[in-house]
Amino acid sequence: MNLNELRRRSREELDRVFEAGSKPSFDRWVGFEFRGFNPPMFARILGFQKFKKGFFLKEQAGKKAPFGYNIPVRQSRPEDPWVCKPSDDHPKRFGFYLVRDGSEAGEKSPKADSLFLDYGSGGNPAADVTKFIRDFVVQVEPKNADLYLGQARIAIGPAWLFTNYFILERDRPAPSFTG
């Protein structure tokens, strides 16, 4: 299976894929960028159907902590390359998040056996709306450590509301970044 096959699945099919998925190994993400795709039409209309995510280790409280970021890309057909904005060599990084175990979200986690991308703990500026995002990611197939399915949620007060699924597929080693 790959990103293009997964993006064509219905919401019900994605529900089953997510439930059957397993917790990814963050160690396999460090130093890489992943092509991302938001299947819903609203993401296409609003201009963020295609995106990238990158992962790195950052010094926090005297130890290395797992973090990640988003990169905007030029919007084009899903079959076209993912091209970073403003450029592949100097991508804009925003929407930072701390990567945690899915079980750390407690009862708000849709799946404890996942990784939790916690934008609320990513050190984003106060005016940055990404700080309300809470993502949960699973590995789609046991033998494919390059394809992942995420469930995006938005934190509104104490509620974390489902917004959509997104797909991640390993793209390239990340240009040097330490946060």
Protein backbone atom coordinates (compact mmCIF):
# COMPACT_ATOMS: atom_id res chain seq x y z
CA MET A 1 0.00 0.00 0.00
CA ASN A 2 1.13 3.60 -0.57
CA LEU A 3 -0.11 7.17 -0.09
CA ASN A 4 -2.00 7.25 -3.38
CA GLU A 5 -3.87 4.03 -2.61
CA LEU A 6 -4.71 5.12 0.94
CA ARG A 7 -5.94 8.60 -0.06
CA ARG A 8 -8.72 7.05 -2.15
CA ARG A 9 -10.25 5.15 0.79
CA SER A 10 -13.55 6.13 2.38
CA ARG A 11 -13.84 7.45 5.93
CA GLU A 12 -15.14 4.06 7.06
CA GLU A 13 -12.20 2.25 5.45
CA LEU A 14 -9.77 4.70 7.07
CA ASP A 15 -11.45 4.06 10.44
CA ARG A 16 -10.64 0.35 10.04
CA VAL A 17 -7.07 1.00 8.87
CA PHE A 18 -6.47 3.31 11.85
CA GLU A 19 -7.87 0.83 14.34
CA ALA A 20 -5.74 -2.00 12.89
CA GLY A 21 -2.58 0.14 12.82
CA SER A 22 0.28 -0.11 15.29
CA LYS A 23 2.37 2.40 17.18
CA PRO A 24 5.23 3.74 15.03
CA SER A 25 8.82 3.87 16.21
CA PHE A 26 9.82 7.52 16.59
CA ASP A 27 13.46 6.50 16.13
CA ARG A 28 12.65 5.73 12.48
CA TRP A 29 11.26 9.26 12.01
CA VAL A 30 14.13 11.35 13.42
CA GLY A 31 15.94 13.30 10.72
CA PHE A 32 13.34 12.65 8.02
CA GLU A 33 10.57 14.55 6.28
CA PHE A 34 7.32 12.93 5.23
CA ARG A 35 4.94 13.85 2.45
CA GLY A 36 1.53 14.51 3.93
CA PHE A 37 -1.91 14.47 2.38
CA ASN A 38 -5.27 15.58 3.81
CA PRO A 39 -7.96 13.76 1.77
CA PRO A 40 -11.01 15.93 2.61
CA MET A 41 -12.22 18.46 0.05
CA PHE A 42 -12.09 21.26 2.64
CA ALA A 43 -8.31 20.85 2.84
CA ARG A 44 -8.02 21.22 -0.92
CA ILE A 45 -10.27 24.32 -0.95
CA LEU A 46 -8.37 25.92 1.97
CA GLY A 47 -4.98 25.20 0.37
CA PHE A 48 -3.44 22.65 2.74
CA GLN A 49 -4.25 19.33 1.15
CA LYS A 50 -0.54 18.64 0.58
CA PHE A 51 2.04 19.35 3.31
CA LYS A 52 5.19 17.93 4.85
CA LYS A 53 6.13 16.97 8.39
CA GLY A 54 9.65 16.66 9.74
CA PHE A 55 11.01 15.15 12.96
CA PHE A 56 13.98 15.97 15.17
CA LEU A 57 15.35 15.72 18.70
CA LYS A 58 15.48 18.88 20.83
CA GLU A 59 17.18 19.50 24.14
CA GLN A 60 14.52 19.86 26.83
CA ALA A 61 14.98 19.67 30.59
CA GLY A 62 18.50 18.28 30.18
CA LYS A 63 17.59 15.46 27.77
CA LYS A 64 16.71 14.94 24.11
CA ALA A 65 12.96 15.10 23.46
CA PRO A 66 11.15 14.11 20.23
CA PHE A 67 9.65 17.03 18.30
CA GLY A 68 8.26 17.72 14.86
CA TYR A 69 7.16 20.51 12.55
CA ASN A 70 5.07 21.19 9.47
CA ILE A 71 6.17 22.61 6.12
CA PRO A 72 3.82 24.24 3.62
CA VAL A 73 4.14 22.92 0.06
CA ARG A 74 2.95 24.07 -3.34
CA GLN A 75 -0.53 22.73 -3.91
CA SER A 76 -0.79 20.58 -7.02
CA ARG A 77 -2.16 17.25 -8.15
CA PRO A 78 -1.47 14.36 -5.73
CA GLU A 79 0.66 12.69 -8.43
CA ASP A 80 2.96 15.74 -8.64
CA PRO A 81 6.06 16.20 -6.44
CA TRP A 82 5.80 17.82 -3.02
CA VAL A 83 7.75 21.12 -3.34
CA CYS A 84 8.44 23.01 -0.10
CA LYS A 85 7.69 26.70 0.33
CA PRO A 86 9.59 28.91 -0.06
CA SER A 87 12.03 26.27 -1.41
CA ASP A 88 13.15 22.69 -0.84
CA ASP A 89 16.56 23.91 0.38
CA HIS A 90 15.08 26.46 2.83
CA PRO A 91 11.64 25.22 3.90
CA LYS A 92 9.45 27.27 6.22
CA ARG A 93 8.93 25.33 9.44
CA PHE A 94 5.91 26.05 11.63
CA GLY A 95 3.30 24.29 13.76
CA PHE A 96 5.74 22.57 16.11
CA TYR A 97 4.69 19.65 18.30
CA LEU A 98 6.07 17.40 21.00
CA VAL A 99 5.83 13.70 20.07
CA ARG A 100 4.43 11.60 22.89
CA ASP A 101 3.01 8.13 23.42
CA GLY A 102 -0.68 7.97 22.48
CA SER A 103 -1.55 6.69 25.94
CA GLU A 104 -0.37 10.01 27.43
CA ALA A 105 -3.53 11.68 26.08
CA GLY A 106 -5.58 9.48 28.41
CA GLU A 107 -9.27 9.13 27.63
CA LYS A 108 -8.95 11.70 24.83
CA SER A 109 -6.76 9.34 22.82
CA PRO A 110 -8.61 7.49 20.05
CA LYS A 111 -5.93 4.77 20.24
CA ALA A 112 -3.37 4.31 23.01
CA ASP A 113 -1.19 2.26 20.62
CA SER A 114 -0.24 5.36 18.58
CA LEU A 115 2.07 8.35 18.65
CA PHE A 116 0.56 11.63 19.83
CA LEU A 117 1.67 14.84 18.09
CA ASP A 118 0.92 17.43 20.77
CA TYR A 119 0.95 20.92 19.24
CA GLY A 120 -0.15 22.34 22.59
CA SER A 121 3.30 21.41 23.95
CA GLY A 122 5.26 22.43 20.85
CA GLY A 123 6.23 25.94 21.96
CA ASN A 124 4.16 27.67 19.28
CA PRO A 125 3.47 31.42 19.58
CA ALA A 126 0.31 32.42 21.49
CA ALA A 127 -1.40 33.66 18.30
CA ASP A 128 -0.60 30.46 16.34
CA VAL A 129 -3.80 28.47 15.81
CA THR A 130 -1.83 25.24 15.28
CA LYS A 131 -1.44 25.03 19.07
CA PHE A 132 -5.00 23.62 19.17
CA ILE A 133 -4.17 20.60 16.96
CA ARG A 134 -3.83 17.12 18.48
CA ASP A 135 -2.79 14.35 16.06
CA PHE A 136 -2.58 10.60 16.61
CA VAL A 137 -0.55 8.51 14.15
CA VAL A 138 -0.33 4.77 13.48
CA GLN A 139 1.81 2.66 11.18
CA VAL A 140 -0.50 1.23 8.51
CA GLU A 141 1.26 -2.08 7.80
CA PRO A 142 3.75 -3.95 10.00
CA LYS A 143 6.22 -4.49 7.15
CA ASN A 144 6.02 -0.94 5.76
CA ALA A 145 7.75 1.54 8.09
CA ASP A 146 7.30 4.34 5.53
CA LEU A 147 3.47 4.72 5.50
CA TYR A 148 1.35 6.15 8.33
CA LEU A 149 -2.22 7.22 8.94
CA GLY A 150 -3.01 10.09 11.26
CA GLN A 151 -6.17 11.23 12.92
CA ALA A 152 -6.37 15.01 13.37
CA ARG A 153 -8.30 16.55 16.22
CA ILE A 154 -8.84 20.12 17.33
CA ALA A 155 -8.83 21.04 21.03
CA ILE A 156 -11.79 23.28 21.86
CA GLY A 157 -11.86 23.73 25.58
CA PRO A 158 -11.87 20.28 27.17
CA ALA A 159 -13.15 18.60 23.96
CA TRP A 160 -10.86 17.21 21.25
CA LEU A 161 -13.00 17.02 18.12
CA PHE A 162 -12.15 14.80 15.14
CA THR A 163 -11.53 16.82 11.96
CA ASN A 164 -10.05 14.38 9.44
CA TYR A 165 -7.58 11.66 8.62
CA PHE A 166 -4.23 12.44 7.01
CA ILE A 167 -1.59 10.25 5.40
CA LEU A 168 2.18 10.42 5.83
CA GLU A 169 4.76 8.73 3.62
CA ARG A 170 8.54 8.97 4.06
CA ASP A 171 9.99 11.46 1.57
CA ARG A 172 13.61 12.44 2.26
CA PRO A 173 16.23 13.08 4.90
CA ALA A 174 15.44 16.44 6.49
CA PRO A 175 17.77 19.35 5.89
CA SER A 176 19.72 20.01 9.09
CA PHE A 177 17.43 21.25 11.86
CA THR A 178 17.73 21.22 15.64
CA GLY A 179 14.82 23.43 16.68
